[in-house]
Structures are given as structure tokens and as C-alpha cells.
């Protein structure tokens, strides 16, 4: 039997909180439907309502005008799989020991040796889908899973329907053949974002009479870059007529495919008269891909996250700050904006527990319902990251803490720290660690205590360290080692 006492406890707490949930308090006739869009590699400014001058996202902008936009939302990690695991469980990647994208990078001659981390979401973990099923929801996933091999696919983790969710981190192509093992009946010329949207809408239609959880983790806007030819051409012409910080027309077309998807889902919900009882969450799994570095130097990526520093795979804001929009009828005020920091582990308790309830044991997130109702603070005083790995986006093993306006990053290779005031220095240009020794000491103490509390795995000195080979990039291609959980 898959469930154990700890999991049953979580499910019981979810059921007990159901009657007092915010949607029930708002007078909803039934439990609210939930649509959760998770966009792959979606940078903080990759939508017009978040600052892009190039990308056209009228449907996402409309969603933001109907709900709440978060300016300081974060992914749980600078890469995808850990954030996805955190979203599913409400637990920090460090606690789960899922700390890199699966299967990670191999850096055999780097200064530090990475720990033996976990290469799948263990079946013992209670997912948000399993907890919602205990409330009577029908659950469906449409898109990217990337949390382990076949024995750990979504259908073994609480999802009644799985279209596209497998061990792949990206599609083979956005036009058929997609190269995704569980999408069989491909239509010639159908763009992948459209295909997934068509199936998602069918799921909504089939389950309109009962509560449903639609988890929609798009493969876009991850590479390989692709777009519909006519949309790419539109952006090429647009780029000819002006100066823009973001300059890739193919990426722009890929972003637009996501906006089309959001619009199509919103339209069908309205047609079925479900929109007034449907929560919609739209966010990203890590920062936009601004570039990578290898032995040949820096290679620019398809987007930019300015004014944030760097992007996917980095320790800085560009790697972890993401867009977030929440529309919760009867709870969120239309067009509202929240600047309180929130992160991926918060979605589980937000959707499954009453705002006044204590979090279930082992859950790291905090319900953000008080913020959705117009509040400006949560009970916690910090959020954390832990990435004991190397990444071509520039990251070396690090941990970080954000407390108030302050962010401290601890780099493991040489044990140095950097300190930034995000209120006055959003681009993390001025490291002020040297002039704030007491604050640095306090934040380091808190970060160390947090790592201990979640059982974070630490990198260790690498006996094979060879600076010359590491600089040359020898052996850096391929997959990193880790530990595989046993089937249960």
C-alpha cells in the first residue's frame, strides 16, 4: 500500500481544513476547480505585464488584471526538477534531496564533489494531486513532469490523467513528432503548446460537473526554440521597427504560444460558466535562460531578465525570481499587486489548508491566502535556496537566504558570502557584505541552522580536482551521479 501514516496525516489535515477553506467562506457552491500553469524557463520579465516590451501576452495580462500579480515570487531552485518537486509536495528541494535537474551535470574535475542526491520524486511523498483526490477532485496533468522514470510517472503520484508527463525535460520538437513517449495520436503540423491545450480543455469539459485539478506544466518556453512561422515573422518585423532588450523572434513566438494557451483555457472556463469558481495560478519553474558558460566562454541565451542579474542556473535573482499571477474568485482583488516574497513550497499549503491552520508536519511552505486577501506579510521571516551543484548558467555550489530586503549567498567553493539589499539594488551589483559584518553573521547563522533543519546535503572536496581539466571543460558533458529511490 502506497500510503503510510505520515501521508495519511497530511491527507486528513487537508480534509479537515476543506470545510473552512477560503472558497467555502466566499460562498462557493462546491469546492473550487484549480488550474495551475507552470511555465518552463519563464523569465521574470517574459510577459508584457511583467515588463517585456517585445513579447505580446494579452491573455496573461488580462489574467493579471483579474487577479493578483506578485512582484517578488520565487522558484524553489534555479533549475526545473527541484522546483517541480517542491510545488508538488510543499517541501524545499533540500529536504527532498532533489536538488538539481534530473539527471544533472557531470563535472568530474571540479573543486567540489556533489552529494548523492535523489533522481526522482519518491512515491512515499504526498503530492498535491493525491491530497486533492482525497477531497474528491479529479486530477489531470498535461505537459512536463521530469521527476523520475516510468515507475515514478504522474499516474503513480495521484494523477488520474497524464498527457505528456514522463522523464523528459524537454520535447524533441514542438512540431510532430514531439518525441514524447505518451503522446501518440499526433496531428500533422500541430504545435505542442496547442496540442496540450486541446487535451487540457477536453479534460475540463469532461469534468465540468465536479471539482478538478488541472496541472498544466507546459514544455514551453524551454529549448529547442520553435514557433509558428507566421508568429516568428511578426516578431521579426517588430524587431526591425524598434529597439528592444529581448531580441529573439523565435523565443517571442514560443512565449506567445503560452499566452494563447492561457487565453484558450480562460475562454472555455467562461463558456462553461466555471470561471467564477476556478482558481488559476500561473508561474515559472526557474529564471529565463539568459546564457550559459563553458570552456569557450559566455554564450547568450534566448531571453534577458534585466534588471535582474543573470538567469537560469545562476545564484542570482535572474535564476530564481519568476512571474506569478493568482486569480481566486472571491479572494483576490482584481488588478492587485503584492510585493511580499513567496516561493514554490507555498502552493501546497495554500490550496490544501485553511489560512489559519498550522502547516502539516514536514511542509516547508506557508499558505499565502492572507496575501491573496490583501495582507502584506506572512508569519515566516525568510525563504531559502540550496543548490550543491554546478550549472552552465554559472552556478557553483551555493545556498542562499532572503530575509526582508536582504539576500545573502554562501558559495561553497571558497566559503565566501555576498550580501545584497534587493530594495536598493535589485540587479545585485553592489556586494555589501564587507560593510555589514553583524548582518552577515546573523544571516549565515540562520542559513546554517536551516540547512541542518532540513537535512541538506553538502558538497565535499573532490579528490579528482584538476583546475586545468576543469577549465578546459573535460568530462563536463553527460549526466551526473545520484541515488535512485527504490520502488514502493
Protein backbone atom coordinates (compact mmCIF):
# COMPACT_ATOMS: atom_id res chain seq x y z
CA UNK A 1 0.00 0.00 0.00
CA UNK A 2 1.44 3.33 -1.05
CA UNK A 3 0.13 5.50 1.81
CA UNK A 4 1.91 5.47 5.13
CA UNK A 5 0.90 7.06 8.41
CA UNK A 6 2.74 10.31 7.66
CA UNK A 7 0.93 10.61 4.35
CA UNK A 8 -2.42 9.76 5.87
CA UNK A 9 -1.86 12.51 8.39
CA UNK A 10 -1.33 15.03 5.61
CA UNK A 11 -4.46 13.88 3.81
CA UNK A 12 -6.51 14.03 6.99
CA UNK A 13 -5.40 17.60 7.63
CA UNK A 14 -6.40 18.50 4.09
CA UNK A 15 -9.87 17.04 4.59
CA UNK A 16 -10.36 18.75 7.96
CA UNK A 17 -9.47 22.12 6.50
CA UNK A 18 -11.76 21.74 3.50
CA UNK A 19 -14.96 22.95 5.16
CA UNK A 20 -13.29 26.15 6.36
CA UNK A 21 -11.40 26.91 3.16
CA UNK A 22 -11.46 30.48 1.78
CA UNK A 23 -13.50 29.40 -1.24
CA UNK A 24 -16.15 27.87 1.03
CA UNK A 25 -16.16 31.02 3.16
CA UNK A 26 -16.78 33.02 -0.02
CA UNK A 27 -19.97 31.03 -0.56
CA UNK A 28 -18.89 28.81 -3.44
CA UNK A 29 -21.45 26.10 -4.28
CA UNK A 30 -18.74 23.46 -4.41
CA UNK A 31 -15.02 23.14 -3.95
CA UNK A 32 -13.21 25.41 -6.43
CA UNK A 33 -11.63 24.00 -9.55
CA UNK A 34 -7.90 24.59 -9.79
CA UNK A 35 -5.88 25.33 -12.92
CA UNK A 36 -2.14 25.53 -12.28
CA UNK A 37 0.07 26.67 -15.17
CA UNK A 38 3.79 26.07 -14.63
CA UNK A 39 5.82 27.51 -17.50
CA UNK A 40 9.27 26.07 -18.16
CA UNK A 41 12.21 28.55 -18.08
CA UNK A 42 9.81 31.51 -17.98
CA UNK A 43 11.84 34.57 -17.04
CA UNK A 44 10.70 37.32 -14.67
CA UNK A 45 10.13 39.81 -17.50
CA UNK A 46 8.87 37.32 -20.09
CA UNK A 47 5.37 38.86 -20.22
CA UNK A 48 4.17 42.34 -21.06
CA UNK A 49 2.55 42.79 -17.64
CA UNK A 50 5.92 41.99 -16.06
CA UNK A 51 7.86 44.48 -18.16
CA UNK A 52 8.58 42.99 -21.58
CA UNK A 53 8.32 45.45 -24.46
CA UNK A 54 8.73 42.77 -27.12
CA UNK A 55 6.63 39.79 -26.04
CA UNK A 56 2.89 40.18 -26.60
CA UNK A 57 0.87 38.46 -23.87
CA UNK A 58 -2.66 39.93 -23.87
CA UNK A 59 -4.24 36.90 -22.20
CA UNK A 60 -1.70 36.74 -19.40
CA UNK A 61 -2.07 40.49 -18.96
CA UNK A 62 -5.84 40.06 -18.73
CA UNK A 63 -5.42 37.32 -16.12
CA UNK A 64 -3.23 39.67 -14.08
CA UNK A 65 -5.88 42.38 -14.33
CA UNK A 66 -8.45 39.94 -12.92
CA UNK A 67 -6.31 38.64 -10.06
CA UNK A 68 -3.16 39.39 -8.09
CA UNK A 69 0.32 39.88 -9.55
CA UNK A 70 3.31 39.07 -7.33
CA UNK A 71 6.46 41.10 -7.92
CA UNK A 72 8.67 39.06 -5.58
CA UNK A 73 7.75 35.47 -6.41
CA UNK A 74 10.47 32.84 -6.44
CA UNK A 75 11.11 29.38 -7.77
CA UNK A 76 12.43 26.93 -5.21
CA UNK A 77 15.51 26.33 -7.34
CA UNK A 78 17.46 27.79 -10.22
CA UNK A 79 16.59 24.71 -12.33
CA UNK A 80 13.42 22.76 -13.04
CA UNK A 81 13.11 19.36 -11.34
CA UNK A 82 13.67 20.62 -7.78
CA UNK A 83 11.07 23.35 -8.24
CA UNK A 84 8.57 20.84 -9.62
CA UNK A 85 9.14 18.53 -6.65
CA UNK A 86 8.72 21.46 -4.26
CA UNK A 87 5.49 22.52 -5.97
CA UNK A 88 4.09 19.00 -5.73
CA UNK A 89 4.97 18.46 -2.05
CA UNK A 90 5.32 21.84 -0.32
CA UNK A 91 8.83 20.83 0.74
CA UNK A 92 12.13 22.52 -0.01
CA UNK A 93 14.31 20.68 -2.54
CA UNK A 94 17.00 20.43 0.13
CA UNK A 95 14.65 18.44 2.37
CA UNK A 96 13.69 16.15 -0.52
CA UNK A 97 17.33 15.79 -1.66
CA UNK A 98 16.11 16.61 -5.18
CA UNK A 99 18.49 19.50 -5.75
CA UNK A 100 19.30 19.52 -9.48
CA UNK A 101 17.51 18.92 -12.73
CA UNK A 102 17.24 15.20 -13.38
CA UNK A 103 19.79 13.84 -14.20
CA UNK A 104 22.10 16.83 -13.72
CA UNK A 105 25.56 17.82 -14.94
CA UNK A 106 28.77 15.86 -14.66
CA UNK A 107 31.76 17.96 -13.54
CA UNK A 108 34.35 15.27 -12.62
CA UNK A 109 37.27 17.67 -12.21
CA UNK A 110 35.51 20.48 -10.34
CA UNK A 111 36.76 21.66 -6.97
CA UNK A 112 33.83 20.11 -5.14
CA UNK A 113 32.13 16.74 -5.43
CA UNK A 114 28.34 16.90 -5.46
CA UNK A 115 26.35 14.80 -2.99
CA UNK A 116 24.47 11.61 -3.91
CA UNK A 117 21.16 13.33 -4.44
CA UNK A 118 17.81 11.74 -5.35
CA UNK A 119 16.89 11.29 -9.01
CA UNK A 120 13.10 11.04 -8.69
CA UNK A 121 10.20 12.11 -6.52
CA UNK A 122 9.78 9.16 -4.11
CA UNK A 123 6.38 7.52 -4.09
CA UNK A 124 6.22 7.95 -0.31
CA UNK A 125 5.85 11.70 -0.74
CA UNK A 126 2.30 13.04 -0.70
CA UNK A 127 1.72 15.14 -3.80
CA UNK A 128 -0.80 17.92 -4.14
CA UNK A 129 -2.68 15.71 -6.59
CA UNK A 130 -3.02 12.92 -4.04
CA UNK A 131 -4.22 15.32 -1.36
CA UNK A 132 -6.77 16.85 -3.71
CA UNK A 133 -8.02 13.40 -4.73
CA UNK A 134 -8.77 12.83 -1.04
CA UNK A 135 -11.07 15.86 -1.29
CA UNK A 136 -12.91 14.40 -4.24
CA UNK A 137 -11.05 16.11 -7.07
CA UNK A 138 -10.36 14.59 -10.46
CA UNK A 139 -6.75 15.29 -11.35
CA UNK A 140 -5.02 15.70 -14.68
CA UNK A 141 -1.53 16.60 -15.86
CA UNK A 142 -0.83 17.99 -19.31
CA UNK A 143 2.83 18.61 -20.12
CA UNK A 144 6.17 18.17 -18.42
CA UNK A 145 6.75 16.03 -15.32
CA UNK A 146 10.53 15.39 -15.19
CA UNK A 147 10.54 13.80 -11.74
CA UNK A 148 11.79 10.31 -12.46
CA UNK A 149 11.45 7.29 -14.70
CA UNK A 150 8.36 5.30 -15.61
CA UNK A 151 7.77 3.89 -12.12
CA UNK A 152 7.54 7.49 -10.86
CA UNK A 153 5.32 8.94 -13.59
CA UNK A 154 2.33 11.16 -12.67
CA UNK A 155 -0.18 8.29 -12.76
CA UNK A 156 1.70 6.81 -9.77
CA UNK A 157 1.67 10.15 -7.95
CA UNK A 158 -2.04 10.96 -7.78
CA UNK A 159 -2.98 11.96 -11.34
CA UNK A 160 -5.99 10.34 -12.98
CA UNK A 161 -4.97 11.61 -16.43
CA UNK A 162 -1.45 12.07 -17.76
CA UNK A 163 -0.77 13.56 -21.17
CA UNK A 164 2.89 14.26 -21.85
CA UNK A 165 4.28 13.70 -18.38
CA UNK A 166 7.36 11.49 -18.47
CA UNK A 167 11.07 11.62 -17.65
CA UNK A 168 11.89 14.09 -20.42
CA UNK A 169 12.99 17.59 -19.53
CA UNK A 170 12.23 18.99 -22.97
CA UNK A 171 10.47 17.87 -26.14
CA UNK A 172 12.32 16.51 -29.11
CA UNK A 173 10.49 19.14 -31.16
CA UNK A 174 7.48 21.45 -30.90
CA UNK A 175 6.05 20.18 -34.18
CA UNK A 176 5.35 16.45 -34.66
CA UNK A 177 6.98 14.13 -33.95
CA UNK A 178 7.30 15.60 -30.45
CA UNK A 179 9.43 12.74 -29.14
CA UNK A 180 7.28 12.36 -26.01
CA UNK A 181 6.52 8.73 -25.27
CA UNK A 182 2.94 9.13 -24.03
CA UNK A 183 1.65 11.45 -26.76
CA UNK A 184 0.70 9.07 -29.54
CA UNK A 185 -2.05 10.50 -31.75
CA UNK A 186 -0.14 13.46 -33.14
CA UNK A 187 -1.80 15.70 -35.70
CA UNK A 188 0.43 16.87 -38.55
CA UNK A 189 1.60 20.43 -38.05
CA UNK A 190 0.01 20.90 -34.60
CA UNK A 191 2.22 22.95 -32.30
CA UNK A 192 2.89 21.20 -28.99
CA UNK A 193 1.52 24.03 -26.83
CA UNK A 194 -1.73 23.86 -28.84
CA UNK A 195 -1.88 20.08 -28.60
CA UNK A 196 -1.57 20.11 -24.82
CA UNK A 197 -4.15 22.89 -24.59
CA UNK A 198 -6.62 20.92 -26.68
CA UNK A 199 -6.29 17.94 -24.35
CA UNK A 200 -6.50 20.13 -21.25
CA UNK A 201 -9.73 21.71 -22.47
CA UNK A 202 -11.17 18.25 -23.14
CA UNK A 203 -10.34 17.38 -19.54
CA UNK A 204 -12.19 20.48 -18.32
CA UNK A 205 -15.21 19.64 -20.44
CA UNK A 206 -15.30 16.04 -19.22
CA UNK A 207 -15.12 17.07 -15.56
CA UNK A 208 -17.22 20.22 -15.52
CA UNK A 209 -19.74 18.76 -13.05
CA UNK A 210 -17.21 18.04 -10.27
CA UNK A 211 -14.10 19.67 -8.82
CA UNK A 212 -10.98 19.20 -10.92
CA UNK A 213 -7.29 19.93 -10.55
CA UNK A 214 -5.69 20.73 -13.90
CA UNK A 215 -1.92 20.83 -13.57
CA UNK A 216 -0.59 22.34 -16.79
CA UNK A 217 3.24 22.35 -16.77
CA UNK A 218 3.97 23.45 -20.33
CA UNK A 219 7.14 22.25 -22.06
CA UNK A 220 7.46 25.76 -23.46
CA UNK A 221 9.39 28.01 -23.27
CA UNK A 222 12.28 25.55 -22.87
CA UNK A 223 14.60 24.82 -25.78
CA UNK A 224 14.61 23.65 -28.55
CA UNK A 225 13.29 27.02 -29.66
CA UNK A 226 10.41 26.91 -32.10
CA UNK A 227 7.35 28.87 -33.09
CA UNK A 228 4.69 29.10 -35.73
CA UNK A 229 6.28 30.64 -38.85
CA UNK A 230 3.76 33.46 -39.13
CA UNK A 231 4.26 34.43 -35.46
CA UNK A 232 8.04 34.37 -35.80
CA UNK A 233 7.73 36.62 -38.83
CA UNK A 234 5.53 39.02 -36.87
CA UNK A 235 8.25 39.46 -34.25
CA UNK A 236 10.99 39.77 -36.85
CA UNK A 237 9.13 42.71 -38.34
CA UNK A 238 8.51 44.16 -34.90
CA UNK A 239 12.22 43.99 -34.09
CA UNK A 240 13.03 45.82 -37.31
CA UNK A 241 10.87 48.71 -36.21
CA UNK A 242 12.35 49.39 -32.78
CA UNK A 243 14.95 48.69 -30.11
CA UNK A 244 14.17 46.02 -27.54
CA UNK A 245 16.15 44.43 -24.73
CA UNK A 246 14.79 40.99 -25.69
CA UNK A 247 15.63 40.25 -29.30
CA UNK A 248 14.88 36.64 -30.25
CA UNK A 249 11.79 36.37 -32.51
CA UNK A 250 11.57 32.59 -32.19
CA UNK A 251 11.55 32.75 -28.40
CA UNK A 252 8.97 35.52 -28.61
CA UNK A 253 6.75 33.25 -30.70
CA UNK A 254 7.21 30.46 -28.14
CA UNK A 255 6.14 32.83 -25.35
CA UNK A 256 3.10 33.77 -27.41
CA UNK A 257 2.13 30.09 -27.66
CA UNK A 258 1.85 30.05 -23.88
CA UNK A 259 -0.28 33.17 -23.92
CA UNK A 260 -2.54 31.55 -26.50
CA UNK A 261 -2.91 28.54 -24.20
CA UNK A 262 -3.81 30.65 -21.17
CA UNK A 263 -6.36 32.52 -23.25
CA UNK A 264 -7.95 29.36 -24.64
CA UNK A 265 -8.34 27.83 -21.19
CA UNK A 266 -9.79 31.04 -19.74
CA UNK A 267 -12.23 31.31 -22.65
CA UNK A 268 -13.50 27.76 -22.24
CA UNK A 269 -13.89 28.16 -18.48
CA UNK A 270 -16.02 31.24 -19.11
CA UNK A 271 -18.12 29.48 -21.75
CA UNK A 272 -18.81 26.64 -19.33
CA UNK A 273 -19.60 29.17 -16.56
CA UNK A 274 -16.80 27.76 -14.43
CA UNK A 275 -14.57 30.82 -14.27
CA UNK A 276 -16.23 32.23 -11.13
CA UNK A 277 -15.36 29.07 -9.22
CA UNK A 278 -11.91 28.30 -10.63
CA UNK A 279 -8.58 29.24 -9.07
CA UNK A 280 -5.91 29.97 -11.67
CA UNK A 281 -2.22 30.05 -10.79
CA UNK A 282 0.37 30.99 -13.41
CA UNK A 283 4.09 30.92 -12.64
CA UNK A 284 7.51 29.61 -13.74
CA UNK A 285 9.93 26.91 -12.58
CA UNK A 286 13.13 28.98 -12.73
CA UNK A 287 14.54 32.11 -14.29
CA UNK A 288 14.74 32.74 -18.01
CA UNK A 289 17.67 31.26 -19.94
CA UNK A 290 19.88 34.32 -20.34
CA UNK A 291 23.00 32.38 -21.27
CA UNK A 292 25.49 29.63 -20.46
CA UNK A 293 29.21 29.47 -19.88
CA UNK A 294 31.68 26.80 -20.94
CA UNK A 295 35.37 26.47 -21.80
CA UNK A 296 34.82 28.73 -24.82
CA UNK A 297 33.25 31.48 -22.72
CA UNK A 298 29.80 33.01 -22.31
CA UNK A 299 27.06 32.17 -24.80
CA UNK A 300 24.00 34.45 -24.71
CA UNK A 301 20.64 32.74 -24.29
CA UNK A 302 17.29 33.41 -25.96
CA UNK A 303 15.97 35.93 -23.42
CA UNK A 304 17.11 38.54 -20.92
CA UNK A 305 15.92 39.11 -17.37
CA UNK A 306 17.06 42.72 -16.92
CA UNK A 307 17.19 44.39 -14.48
CA UNK A 308 17.84 41.09 -12.71
CA UNK A 309 21.33 39.60 -12.75
CA UNK A 310 21.89 36.57 -14.99
CA UNK A 311 19.27 33.81 -15.33
CA UNK A 312 18.55 30.10 -15.22
CA UNK A 313 21.29 28.15 -13.50
CA UNK A 314 22.70 31.12 -11.55
CA UNK A 315 22.71 32.02 -7.86
CA UNK A 316 21.32 35.48 -8.50
CA UNK A 317 17.80 36.89 -8.85
CA UNK A 318 17.64 36.18 -12.57
CA UNK A 319 17.92 32.48 -11.76
CA UNK A 320 15.13 32.24 -9.21
CA UNK A 321 12.73 35.19 -9.45
CA UNK A 322 9.73 34.34 -11.61
CA UNK A 323 6.36 35.79 -12.66
CA UNK A 324 3.36 34.80 -10.57
CA UNK A 325 -0.31 35.61 -11.09
CA UNK A 326 -3.11 34.20 -8.92
CA UNK A 327 -6.78 34.61 -9.68
CA UNK A 328 -9.00 33.29 -6.89
CA UNK A 329 -12.62 34.45 -7.28
CA UNK A 330 -13.97 35.83 -4.03
CA UNK A 331 -10.49 36.05 -2.54
CA UNK A 332 -8.18 38.12 -4.75
CA UNK A 333 -8.97 41.70 -5.70
CA UNK A 334 -8.87 42.37 -9.44
CA UNK A 335 -5.67 44.10 -10.53
CA UNK A 336 -4.00 43.85 -7.13
CA UNK A 337 -0.24 43.65 -6.66
CA UNK A 338 1.75 42.00 -3.84
CA UNK A 339 5.43 42.58 -3.07
CA UNK A 340 5.75 40.03 -0.24
CA UNK A 341 8.19 37.24 -1.15
CA UNK A 342 6.56 33.87 -1.88
CA UNK A 343 8.03 30.67 -3.24
CA UNK A 344 7.18 27.29 -4.78
CA UNK A 345 6.68 25.45 -1.48
CA UNK A 346 3.77 27.77 -0.67
CA UNK A 347 1.33 26.41 -3.26
CA UNK A 348 0.69 23.11 -1.47
CA UNK A 349 -0.46 24.65 1.84
CA UNK A 350 -2.26 27.47 0.02
CA UNK A 351 -4.50 25.12 -1.90
CA UNK A 352 -4.87 22.43 0.75
CA UNK A 353 -5.03 24.11 4.14
CA UNK A 354 -7.06 26.87 5.70
CA UNK A 355 -5.06 30.04 6.16
CA UNK A 356 -5.38 29.77 9.95
CA UNK A 357 -4.31 26.12 10.17
CA UNK A 358 -0.84 25.05 11.19
CA UNK A 359 1.16 23.54 8.30
CA UNK A 360 1.24 19.77 8.14
CA UNK A 361 4.36 18.21 9.59
CA UNK A 362 7.30 18.40 7.21
CA UNK A 363 5.70 21.02 4.97
CA UNK A 364 8.03 23.97 4.47
CA UNK A 365 5.61 26.29 2.71
CA UNK A 366 3.14 28.72 4.21
CA UNK A 367 -0.35 29.47 2.94
CA UNK A 368 -0.38 32.75 1.03
CA UNK A 369 -4.14 33.17 1.41
CA UNK A 370 -3.57 36.13 3.79
CA UNK A 371 -1.72 37.86 0.95
CA UNK A 372 -4.39 36.95 -1.58
CA UNK A 373 -6.93 38.60 0.74
CA UNK A 374 -4.92 41.83 0.73
CA UNK A 375 -2.46 41.37 3.58
CA UNK A 376 1.19 42.32 3.25
CA UNK A 377 3.04 39.79 5.39
CA UNK A 378 3.36 36.15 6.35
CA UNK A 379 4.49 34.63 9.63
CA UNK A 380 7.87 33.40 8.35
CA UNK A 381 10.85 35.71 8.29
CA UNK A 382 12.94 34.20 5.46
CA UNK A 383 12.99 31.92 2.43
CA UNK A 384 15.90 29.71 1.38
CA UNK A 385 17.68 28.02 -1.53
CA UNK A 386 20.23 25.23 -1.62
CA UNK A 387 21.99 24.13 -4.79
CA UNK A 388 25.05 21.92 -4.10
CA UNK A 389 25.77 21.56 -7.83
CA UNK A 390 27.42 23.16 -10.85
CA UNK A 391 25.47 24.54 -13.79
CA UNK A 392 26.41 26.05 -17.17
CA UNK A 393 24.26 29.05 -16.24
CA UNK A 394 27.21 29.97 -13.97
CA UNK A 395 26.16 28.47 -10.63
CA UNK A 396 28.74 26.83 -8.43
CA UNK A 397 27.50 25.08 -5.26
CA UNK A 398 25.70 27.61 -3.05
CA UNK A 399 22.99 28.26 -0.50
CA UNK A 400 21.07 31.49 -0.06
CA UNK A 401 18.65 33.22 2.25
CA UNK A 402 16.32 36.15 1.65
CA UNK A 403 15.18 37.89 4.84
CA UNK A 404 13.27 41.12 4.33
CA UNK A 405 15.10 43.16 1.72
CA UNK A 406 18.38 41.34 2.31
CA UNK A 407 19.76 38.40 0.37
CA UNK A 408 22.88 36.54 1.39
CA UNK A 409 24.53 33.95 -0.87
CA UNK A 410 27.02 31.46 0.53
CA UNK A 411 29.35 29.95 -2.08
CA UNK A 412 30.85 26.63 -1.05
CA UNK A 413 33.96 26.51 -3.24
CA UNK A 414 35.80 29.16 -1.23
CA UNK A 415 33.32 29.69 1.64
CA UNK A 416 32.78 33.34 0.73
CA UNK A 417 29.46 35.16 1.03
CA UNK A 418 27.84 38.02 -0.85
CA UNK A 419 25.18 40.33 0.55
CA UNK A 420 22.72 42.45 -1.41
CA UNK A 421 19.91 44.83 -0.49
CA UNK A 422 17.25 43.97 -3.05
CA UNK A 423 15.23 47.08 -2.29
CA UNK A 424 18.03 49.42 -3.37
CA UNK A 425 19.99 47.05 -5.60
CA UNK A 426 17.64 44.74 -7.48
CA UNK A 427 20.36 43.93 -10.01
CA UNK A 428 22.74 42.68 -7.27
CA UNK A 429 25.55 44.91 -8.47
CA UNK A 430 26.94 46.03 -5.10
CA UNK A 431 28.06 43.33 -2.67
CA UNK A 432 27.88 44.99 0.77
CA UNK A 433 28.99 42.02 2.89
CA UNK A 434 32.21 43.72 3.97
CA UNK A 435 30.39 46.71 5.43
CA UNK A 436 27.69 44.73 7.25
CA UNK A 437 29.56 42.12 9.31
CA UNK A 438 26.89 41.74 12.02
CA UNK A 439 24.12 41.20 9.48
CA UNK A 440 26.29 38.74 7.56
CA UNK A 441 26.98 36.76 10.73
CA UNK A 442 23.28 36.66 11.63
CA UNK A 443 22.17 35.57 8.17
CA UNK A 444 24.91 32.94 7.96
CA UNK A 445 23.82 31.53 11.30
CA UNK A 446 20.21 31.36 10.17
CA UNK A 447 21.17 29.79 6.84
CA UNK A 448 23.31 27.17 8.56
CA UNK A 449 20.52 26.37 11.01
CA UNK A 450 18.04 25.98 8.17
CA UNK A 451 20.34 23.63 6.27
CA UNK A 452 20.64 21.48 9.36
CA UNK A 453 16.89 21.50 10.00
CA UNK A 454 16.04 20.20 6.53
CA UNK A 455 18.94 17.75 6.33
CA UNK A 456 20.54 19.49 3.37
CA UNK A 457 23.24 17.52 1.59
CA UNK A 458 26.56 19.32 1.25
CA UNK A 459 29.25 19.13 -1.42
CA UNK A 460 32.62 17.78 -0.35
CA UNK A 461 36.23 18.28 -1.52
CA UNK A 462 36.81 16.45 -4.79
CA UNK A 463 39.91 14.20 -4.73
CA UNK A 464 39.94 14.28 -8.54
CA UNK A 465 40.03 18.09 -8.67
CA UNK A 466 42.14 19.28 -11.58
CA UNK A 467 41.90 23.01 -12.39
CA UNK A 468 43.42 22.61 -15.83
CA UNK A 469 40.97 19.90 -16.89
CA UNK A 470 38.05 21.69 -15.28
CA UNK A 471 38.87 24.95 -17.06
CA UNK A 472 39.14 23.07 -20.35
CA UNK A 473 35.73 21.51 -19.75
CA UNK A 474 36.95 17.92 -19.91
CA UNK A 475 34.30 15.40 -18.94
CA UNK A 476 31.65 18.06 -18.37
CA UNK A 477 29.14 16.59 -20.80
CA UNK A 478 26.78 13.85 -19.72
CA UNK A 479 24.85 13.01 -16.61
CA UNK A 480 25.78 13.41 -13.00
CA UNK A 481 25.54 10.67 -10.44
CA UNK A 482 22.85 10.44 -7.82
CA UNK A 483 20.88 7.95 -5.81
CA UNK A 484 17.75 6.25 -7.06
CA UNK A 485 14.91 5.60 -4.69
CA UNK A 486 13.57 2.08 -4.56
CA UNK A 487 10.11 1.32 -5.87
CA UNK A 488 7.48 1.04 -3.21
